[in-house]
């Protein structure tokens, strides 16, 4: 019914994933892209703002105070994002980032509607995937777990 080429194309199109290196390569891409974007677009600019000194203003959505909230978000968006990129303590490093994106989605941007919630929801989902799946074999975590 199907030629060899058609069967192979059908298998590629309808493959549900989870096979061999594909998962590990996908996790590597998620780590690099999500971690890299988090650093470049969010963490590094906040770190520069902190280094420039006062005055800074920052939201305090969970009532910790403006400066503690600012320092915690810098830790998450810069330090934890670096750990995610290299795959070191990935599951633990993804927790503060997932929490931060959840707070941004539900407490900071919720009243502004879906357009403002879209990016934090995507980041939240990517970090949740890393919490569930771990870093994959192309990571420092994998090297540590082998030895």
N, C-alpha and C. Protein backbone atom coordinates (compact mmCIF):
# COMPACT_ATOMS: atom_id res chain seq x y z
N UNK A 1 0.82 -1.19 0.00
CA UNK A 1 0.00 0.00 0.00
C UNK A 1 0.86 1.26 0.00
N UNK A 2 1.84 1.34 0.94
CA UNK A 2 2.78 2.47 0.98
C UNK A 2 4.14 2.00 0.51
N UNK A 3 4.84 2.85 -0.25
CA UNK A 3 6.21 2.52 -0.65
C UNK A 3 7.12 2.70 0.55
N UNK A 4 8.35 2.24 0.43
CA UNK A 4 9.33 2.38 1.52
C UNK A 4 9.53 3.83 1.91
N UNK A 5 9.62 4.72 0.93
CA UNK A 5 9.82 6.14 1.21
C UNK A 5 8.60 6.73 1.92
N UNK A 6 7.41 6.34 1.49
CA UNK A 6 6.18 6.83 2.11
C UNK A 6 6.05 6.33 3.55
N UNK A 7 6.44 5.07 3.80
CA UNK A 7 6.38 4.53 5.15
C UNK A 7 7.34 5.27 6.07
N UNK A 8 8.52 5.56 5.55
CA UNK A 8 9.50 6.27 6.36
C UNK A 8 9.05 7.70 6.65
N UNK A 9 8.43 8.36 5.67
CA UNK A 9 7.90 9.71 5.88
C UNK A 9 6.76 9.67 6.89
N UNK A 10 5.88 8.68 6.75
CA UNK A 10 4.75 8.53 7.68
C UNK A 10 5.27 8.30 9.10
N UNK A 11 6.28 7.47 9.23
CA UNK A 11 6.86 7.19 10.55
C UNK A 11 7.48 8.45 11.15
N UNK A 12 8.14 9.26 10.32
CA UNK A 12 8.75 10.50 10.81
C UNK A 12 7.69 11.50 11.23
N UNK A 13 6.65 11.68 10.43
CA UNK A 13 5.61 12.67 10.71
C UNK A 13 4.82 12.31 11.96
N UNK A 14 4.47 11.04 12.10
CA UNK A 14 3.57 10.63 13.18
C UNK A 14 4.28 9.99 14.37
N UNK A 15 5.61 10.09 14.41
CA UNK A 15 6.36 9.55 15.55
C UNK A 15 6.03 10.38 16.78
N UNK A 16 5.66 9.72 17.87
CA UNK A 16 5.25 10.44 19.08
C UNK A 16 6.43 10.90 19.91
N UNK A 17 7.64 10.66 19.49
CA UNK A 17 8.83 11.11 20.23
C UNK A 17 9.24 10.13 21.30
N UNK A 18 10.12 10.60 22.19
CA UNK A 18 10.57 9.76 23.29
C UNK A 18 11.51 8.66 22.86
N UNK A 19 12.20 8.85 21.78
CA UNK A 19 13.07 7.81 21.26
C UNK A 19 14.52 8.25 21.31
N UNK A 20 15.34 7.45 21.92
CA UNK A 20 16.79 7.63 21.88
C UNK A 20 17.26 9.03 22.23
N UNK A 21 18.16 9.54 21.42
CA UNK A 21 18.79 10.84 21.64
C UNK A 21 17.85 12.03 21.48
N UNK A 22 16.71 11.83 20.84
CA UNK A 22 15.80 12.95 20.57
C UNK A 22 15.40 13.66 21.86
N UNK A 23 15.12 12.91 22.90
CA UNK A 23 14.71 13.52 24.17
C UNK A 23 15.86 14.31 24.76
N UNK A 24 17.06 13.75 24.76
CA UNK A 24 18.22 14.44 25.34
C UNK A 24 18.59 15.68 24.55
N UNK A 25 18.49 15.62 23.23
CA UNK A 25 18.77 16.80 22.41
C UNK A 25 17.69 17.86 22.64
N UNK A 26 16.44 17.44 22.77
CA UNK A 26 15.35 18.38 23.05
C UNK A 26 15.54 19.07 24.39
N UNK A 27 15.94 18.31 25.41
CA UNK A 27 16.18 18.91 26.73
C UNK A 27 17.35 19.89 26.68
N UNK A 28 18.39 19.55 25.92
CA UNK A 28 19.52 20.46 25.75
C UNK A 28 19.05 21.76 25.10
N UNK A 29 18.24 21.66 24.05
CA UNK A 29 17.74 22.86 23.38
C UNK A 29 16.87 23.70 24.31
N UNK A 30 16.00 23.05 25.08
CA UNK A 30 15.17 23.79 26.04
C UNK A 30 16.06 24.51 27.04
N UNK A 31 17.08 23.82 27.56
CA UNK A 31 17.97 24.45 28.55
C UNK A 31 18.69 25.65 27.96
N UNK A 32 19.24 25.50 26.78
CA UNK A 32 20.02 26.59 26.17
C UNK A 32 19.12 27.78 25.81
N UNK A 33 17.99 27.50 25.17
CA UNK A 33 17.12 28.59 24.72
C UNK A 33 16.43 29.27 25.90
N UNK A 34 15.77 28.50 26.76
CA UNK A 34 15.06 29.10 27.90
C UNK A 34 16.03 29.79 28.85
N UNK A 35 17.13 29.12 29.19
CA UNK A 35 18.12 29.71 30.09
C UNK A 35 18.78 30.93 29.47
N UNK A 36 19.15 30.82 28.21
CA UNK A 36 19.81 31.93 27.52
C UNK A 36 18.92 33.16 27.39
N UNK A 37 17.68 32.95 26.99
CA UNK A 37 16.75 34.07 26.89
C UNK A 37 16.47 34.69 28.25
N UNK A 38 16.37 33.85 29.27
CA UNK A 38 16.11 34.36 30.61
C UNK A 38 17.26 35.27 31.06
N UNK A 39 18.49 34.87 30.79
CA UNK A 39 19.65 35.69 31.16
C UNK A 39 19.67 37.00 30.37
N UNK A 40 19.62 36.88 29.06
CA UNK A 40 19.81 38.04 28.19
C UNK A 40 18.68 39.05 28.31
N UNK A 41 17.43 38.57 28.35
CA UNK A 41 16.28 39.49 28.35
C UNK A 41 15.84 39.93 29.74
N UNK A 42 16.19 39.15 30.77
CA UNK A 42 15.64 39.44 32.09
C UNK A 42 16.71 39.55 33.17
N UNK A 43 17.53 38.52 33.36
CA UNK A 43 18.48 38.48 34.47
C UNK A 43 19.60 39.50 34.37
N UNK A 44 20.28 39.53 33.22
CA UNK A 44 21.41 40.45 33.07
C UNK A 44 21.00 41.92 33.17
N UNK A 45 19.91 42.33 32.51
CA UNK A 45 19.50 43.74 32.68
C UNK A 45 19.20 44.10 34.14
N UNK A 46 18.62 43.19 34.89
CA UNK A 46 18.35 43.47 36.30
C UNK A 46 19.64 43.52 37.10
N UNK A 47 20.60 42.66 36.77
CA UNK A 47 21.90 42.68 37.44
C UNK A 47 22.62 44.00 37.18
N UNK A 48 22.56 44.49 35.96
CA UNK A 48 23.16 45.78 35.61
C UNK A 48 22.47 46.91 36.39
N UNK A 49 21.16 46.84 36.48
CA UNK A 49 20.40 47.84 37.24
C UNK A 49 20.81 47.83 38.71
N UNK A 50 21.01 46.64 39.27
CA UNK A 50 21.46 46.52 40.66
C UNK A 50 22.86 47.10 40.83
N UNK A 51 23.76 46.80 39.89
CA UNK A 51 25.14 47.29 39.97
C UNK A 51 25.22 48.81 39.83
N UNK A 52 24.28 49.39 39.12
CA UNK A 52 24.26 50.85 38.94
C UNK A 52 23.90 51.57 40.23
N UNK A 53 23.30 50.84 41.16
CA UNK A 53 22.97 51.42 42.45
C UNK A 53 21.59 52.05 42.48
N UNK A 54 21.19 52.50 43.67
CA UNK A 54 19.86 53.08 43.83
C UNK A 54 19.72 54.34 42.97
N UNK A 55 18.56 54.77 42.67
CA UNK A 55 17.28 54.22 43.11
C UNK A 55 16.80 53.13 42.14
N UNK A 56 16.26 52.06 42.69
CA UNK A 56 15.58 51.08 41.86
C UNK A 56 14.18 50.87 42.42
N UNK A 57 13.30 50.59 41.52
CA UNK A 57 11.95 50.24 41.93
C UNK A 57 11.68 48.85 41.37
N UNK A 58 11.01 48.07 42.16
CA UNK A 58 10.69 46.72 41.73
C UNK A 58 9.40 46.29 42.40
N UNK A 59 8.64 45.48 41.71
CA UNK A 59 7.37 45.00 42.26
C UNK A 59 7.62 44.11 43.47
N UNK A 60 6.65 44.08 44.36
CA UNK A 60 6.71 43.22 45.55
C UNK A 60 5.42 42.40 45.62
N UNK A 61 5.24 41.49 44.67
CA UNK A 61 3.94 40.81 44.56
C UNK A 61 3.62 39.82 45.68
N UNK A 62 4.64 39.33 46.39
CA UNK A 62 4.34 38.36 47.45
C UNK A 62 4.67 38.89 48.84
N UNK A 63 4.95 40.19 48.94
CA UNK A 63 5.09 40.83 50.23
C UNK A 63 6.41 40.61 50.97
N UNK A 64 7.47 40.33 50.25
CA UNK A 64 8.79 40.17 50.88
C UNK A 64 9.53 41.48 51.05
N UNK A 65 9.10 42.47 50.35
CA UNK A 65 9.80 43.75 50.29
C UNK A 65 10.40 43.92 48.91
N UNK A 66 10.57 45.17 48.53
CA UNK A 66 11.06 45.47 47.18
C UNK A 66 12.46 44.93 46.94
N UNK A 67 13.42 45.20 47.84
CA UNK A 67 14.80 44.75 47.63
C UNK A 67 14.93 43.24 47.71
N UNK A 68 14.36 42.55 48.71
CA UNK A 68 14.45 41.09 48.71
C UNK A 68 13.84 40.46 47.44
N UNK A 69 12.72 41.00 46.99
CA UNK A 69 12.10 40.49 45.76
C UNK A 69 13.03 40.69 44.57
N UNK A 70 13.66 41.86 44.50
CA UNK A 70 14.58 42.17 43.41
C UNK A 70 15.79 41.23 43.43
N UNK A 71 16.36 41.01 44.59
CA UNK A 71 17.53 40.12 44.71
C UNK A 71 17.17 38.67 44.38
N UNK A 72 16.00 38.22 44.83
CA UNK A 72 15.58 36.85 44.54
C UNK A 72 15.32 36.64 43.05
N UNK A 73 14.75 37.63 42.40
CA UNK A 73 14.48 37.47 40.97
C UNK A 73 15.78 37.51 40.17
N UNK A 74 16.76 38.30 40.60
CA UNK A 74 18.07 38.30 39.95
C UNK A 74 18.73 36.94 40.13
N UNK A 75 18.65 36.39 41.34
CA UNK A 75 19.19 35.05 41.58
C UNK A 75 18.55 34.03 40.63
N UNK A 76 17.23 34.07 40.53
CA UNK A 76 16.53 33.11 39.67
C UNK A 76 16.88 33.33 38.19
N UNK A 77 16.72 34.58 37.73
CA UNK A 77 16.84 34.85 36.30
C UNK A 77 18.28 34.89 35.80
N UNK A 78 19.24 35.02 36.68
CA UNK A 78 20.64 35.04 36.23
C UNK A 78 21.38 33.79 36.68
N UNK A 79 21.47 33.58 37.99
CA UNK A 79 22.25 32.44 38.51
C UNK A 79 21.61 31.11 38.14
N UNK A 80 20.31 30.96 38.43
CA UNK A 80 19.64 29.69 38.12
C UNK A 80 19.62 29.43 36.62
N UNK A 81 19.48 30.47 35.82
CA UNK A 81 19.48 30.30 34.37
C UNK A 81 20.84 29.80 33.88
N UNK A 82 21.94 30.28 34.46
CA UNK A 82 23.27 29.77 34.10
C UNK A 82 23.37 28.29 34.46
N UNK A 83 22.91 27.92 35.65
CA UNK A 83 22.94 26.52 36.07
C UNK A 83 22.13 25.64 35.11
N UNK A 84 21.01 26.14 34.65
CA UNK A 84 20.18 25.38 33.72
C UNK A 84 20.89 25.20 32.38
N UNK A 85 21.53 26.23 31.89
CA UNK A 85 22.24 26.12 30.61
C UNK A 85 23.31 25.04 30.67
N UNK A 86 24.10 25.02 31.74
CA UNK A 86 25.16 24.01 31.82
C UNK A 86 24.64 22.67 32.34
N UNK A 87 23.41 22.68 32.84
CA UNK A 87 22.82 21.43 33.31
C UNK A 87 23.37 20.99 34.65
N UNK A 88 23.52 21.92 35.56
CA UNK A 88 24.04 21.61 36.90
C UNK A 88 22.94 21.88 37.92
N UNK A 89 22.48 20.83 38.58
CA UNK A 89 21.39 20.99 39.53
C UNK A 89 20.13 21.49 38.84
N UNK A 90 19.91 20.99 37.65
CA UNK A 90 18.87 21.53 36.77
C UNK A 90 17.49 21.52 37.40
N UNK A 91 17.10 20.41 37.98
CA UNK A 91 15.76 20.33 38.57
C UNK A 91 15.60 21.38 39.67
N UNK A 92 16.59 21.50 40.54
CA UNK A 92 16.51 22.49 41.62
C UNK A 92 16.58 23.91 41.08
N UNK A 93 17.43 24.15 40.09
CA UNK A 93 17.57 25.49 39.52
C UNK A 93 16.30 25.93 38.79
N UNK A 94 15.55 24.98 38.26
CA UNK A 94 14.33 25.33 37.53
C UNK A 94 13.18 25.71 38.47
N UNK A 95 13.24 25.29 39.73
CA UNK A 95 12.15 25.58 40.66
C UNK A 95 11.97 27.09 40.89
N UNK A 96 13.04 27.85 41.24
CA UNK A 96 12.84 29.30 41.42
C UNK A 96 12.35 30.00 40.15
N UNK A 97 12.80 29.52 39.00
CA UNK A 97 12.37 30.14 37.75
C UNK A 97 10.91 29.83 37.45
N UNK A 98 10.49 28.60 37.67
CA UNK A 98 9.09 28.24 37.47
C UNK A 98 8.21 29.03 38.45
N UNK A 99 8.65 29.13 39.70
CA UNK A 99 7.91 29.89 40.71
C UNK A 99 7.79 31.36 40.28
N UNK A 100 8.91 31.94 39.86
CA UNK A 100 8.92 33.34 39.44
C UNK A 100 7.98 33.57 38.26
N UNK A 101 8.00 32.67 37.29
CA UNK A 101 7.11 32.82 36.13
C UNK A 101 5.65 32.61 36.51
N UNK A 102 5.40 31.76 37.49
CA UNK A 102 4.05 31.60 38.01
C UNK A 102 3.56 32.87 38.69
N UNK A 103 4.43 33.49 39.48
CA UNK A 103 4.08 34.75 40.16
C UNK A 103 3.84 35.84 39.13
N UNK A 104 4.71 35.95 38.14
CA UNK A 104 4.54 36.97 37.09
C UNK A 104 3.21 36.76 36.37
N UNK A 105 2.90 35.50 36.06
CA UNK A 105 1.66 35.21 35.34
C UNK A 105 0.43 35.53 36.18
N UNK A 106 0.40 35.03 37.41
CA UNK A 106 -0.83 35.09 38.21
C UNK A 106 -0.98 36.36 39.04
N UNK A 107 0.13 36.97 39.46
CA UNK A 107 0.03 38.13 40.34
C UNK A 107 0.42 39.45 39.68
N UNK A 108 1.32 39.41 38.74
CA UNK A 108 1.80 40.66 38.14
C UNK A 108 1.05 40.97 36.84
N UNK A 109 0.94 40.00 35.93
CA UNK A 109 0.38 40.27 34.60
C UNK A 109 -1.06 39.81 34.41
N UNK A 110 -1.64 39.14 35.37
CA UNK A 110 -2.97 38.55 35.20
C UNK A 110 -4.02 39.57 34.78
N UNK A 111 -4.02 40.72 35.44
CA UNK A 111 -5.04 41.73 35.15
C UNK A 111 -4.87 42.36 33.77
N UNK A 112 -3.70 42.17 33.16
CA UNK A 112 -3.43 42.76 31.84
C UNK A 112 -3.82 41.83 30.70
N UNK A 113 -4.24 40.62 31.04
CA UNK A 113 -4.75 39.69 30.02
C UNK A 113 -3.69 38.81 29.40
N UNK A 114 -4.15 37.94 28.52
CA UNK A 114 -3.32 36.92 27.90
C UNK A 114 -2.07 37.44 27.18
N UNK A 115 -2.16 38.54 26.43
CA UNK A 115 -0.94 38.99 25.74
C UNK A 115 0.25 39.21 26.69
N UNK A 116 -0.01 39.70 27.90
CA UNK A 116 1.08 39.92 28.86
C UNK A 116 1.43 38.64 29.62
N UNK A 117 0.56 37.67 29.61
CA UNK A 117 0.79 36.41 30.33
C UNK A 117 1.44 35.35 29.45
N UNK A 118 1.40 35.55 28.15
CA UNK A 118 1.83 34.52 27.20
C UNK A 118 3.29 34.10 27.42
N UNK A 119 4.22 35.03 27.45
CA UNK A 119 5.63 34.68 27.60
C UNK A 119 5.93 34.04 28.95
N UNK A 120 5.44 34.59 30.07
CA UNK A 120 5.68 33.91 31.34
C UNK A 120 5.09 32.49 31.39
N UNK A 121 3.95 32.28 30.74
CA UNK A 121 3.37 30.94 30.70
C UNK A 121 4.27 29.99 29.93
N UNK A 122 4.82 30.45 28.81
CA UNK A 122 5.74 29.62 28.03
C UNK A 122 6.99 29.28 28.84
N UNK A 123 7.58 30.28 29.48
CA UNK A 123 8.74 30.03 30.33
C UNK A 123 8.39 29.07 31.46
N UNK A 124 7.25 29.30 32.12
CA UNK A 124 6.82 28.42 33.21
C UNK A 124 6.76 26.97 32.72
N UNK A 125 6.18 26.77 31.55
CA UNK A 125 6.04 25.42 31.00
C UNK A 125 7.39 24.79 30.72
N UNK A 126 8.31 25.55 30.14
CA UNK A 126 9.64 25.01 29.85
C UNK A 126 10.38 24.64 31.13
N UNK A 127 10.29 25.48 32.15
CA UNK A 127 10.97 25.17 33.40
C UNK A 127 10.29 24.01 34.12
N UNK A 128 8.98 23.88 33.98
CA UNK A 128 8.28 22.74 34.55
C UNK A 128 8.72 21.44 33.87
N UNK A 129 8.90 21.48 32.56
CA UNK A 129 9.40 20.31 31.83
C UNK A 129 10.78 19.91 32.38
N UNK A 130 11.64 20.88 32.64
CA UNK A 130 12.97 20.57 33.18
C UNK A 130 12.88 20.01 34.60
N UNK A 131 11.94 20.49 35.40
CA UNK A 131 11.75 19.94 36.74
C UNK A 131 11.33 18.47 36.63
N UNK A 132 10.44 18.18 35.72
CA UNK A 132 9.93 16.82 35.55
C UNK A 132 10.97 15.90 34.91
N UNK A 133 11.59 16.36 33.84
CA UNK A 133 12.46 15.50 33.03
C UNK A 133 13.93 15.52 33.46
N UNK A 134 14.37 16.58 34.08
CA UNK A 134 15.80 16.72 34.36
C UNK A 134 16.53 17.26 33.16
N UNK A 135 17.84 17.27 33.24
CA UNK A 135 18.67 17.94 32.24
C UNK A 135 18.95 17.11 30.99
N UNK A 136 18.82 15.80 31.08
CA UNK A 136 19.19 14.95 29.96
C UNK A 136 20.67 14.60 30.01
N UNK A 137 21.10 13.79 29.06
CA UNK A 137 22.48 13.28 29.13
C UNK A 137 23.54 14.28 28.69
N UNK A 138 23.16 15.36 28.04
CA UNK A 138 24.14 16.37 27.64
C UNK A 138 24.19 17.46 28.70
N UNK A 139 24.66 17.08 29.89
CA UNK A 139 24.64 18.01 31.03
C UNK A 139 25.67 17.60 32.06
N UNK A 140 25.99 18.53 32.93
CA UNK A 140 26.86 18.24 34.07
C UNK A 140 26.15 17.27 35.01
N UNK A 141 24.84 17.42 35.17
CA UNK A 141 24.07 16.51 36.01
C UNK A 141 24.32 15.06 35.60
N UNK A 142 24.29 14.81 34.31
CA UNK A 142 24.50 13.45 33.81
C UNK A 142 25.91 12.95 34.14
N UNK A 143 26.90 13.83 33.97
CA UNK A 143 28.28 13.43 34.30
C UNK A 143 28.42 13.08 35.77
N UNK A 144 27.78 13.88 36.63
CA UNK A 144 27.85 13.64 38.07
C UNK A 144 27.13 12.33 38.43
N UNK A 145 25.98 12.10 37.84
CA UNK A 145 25.19 10.92 38.19
C UNK A 145 25.85 9.63 37.72
N UNK A 146 26.70 9.71 36.71
CA UNK A 146 27.41 8.52 36.20
C UNK A 146 28.55 8.12 37.12
N UNK A 147 29.14 9.10 37.81
CA UNK A 147 30.35 8.83 38.59
C UNK A 147 30.07 8.69 39.99
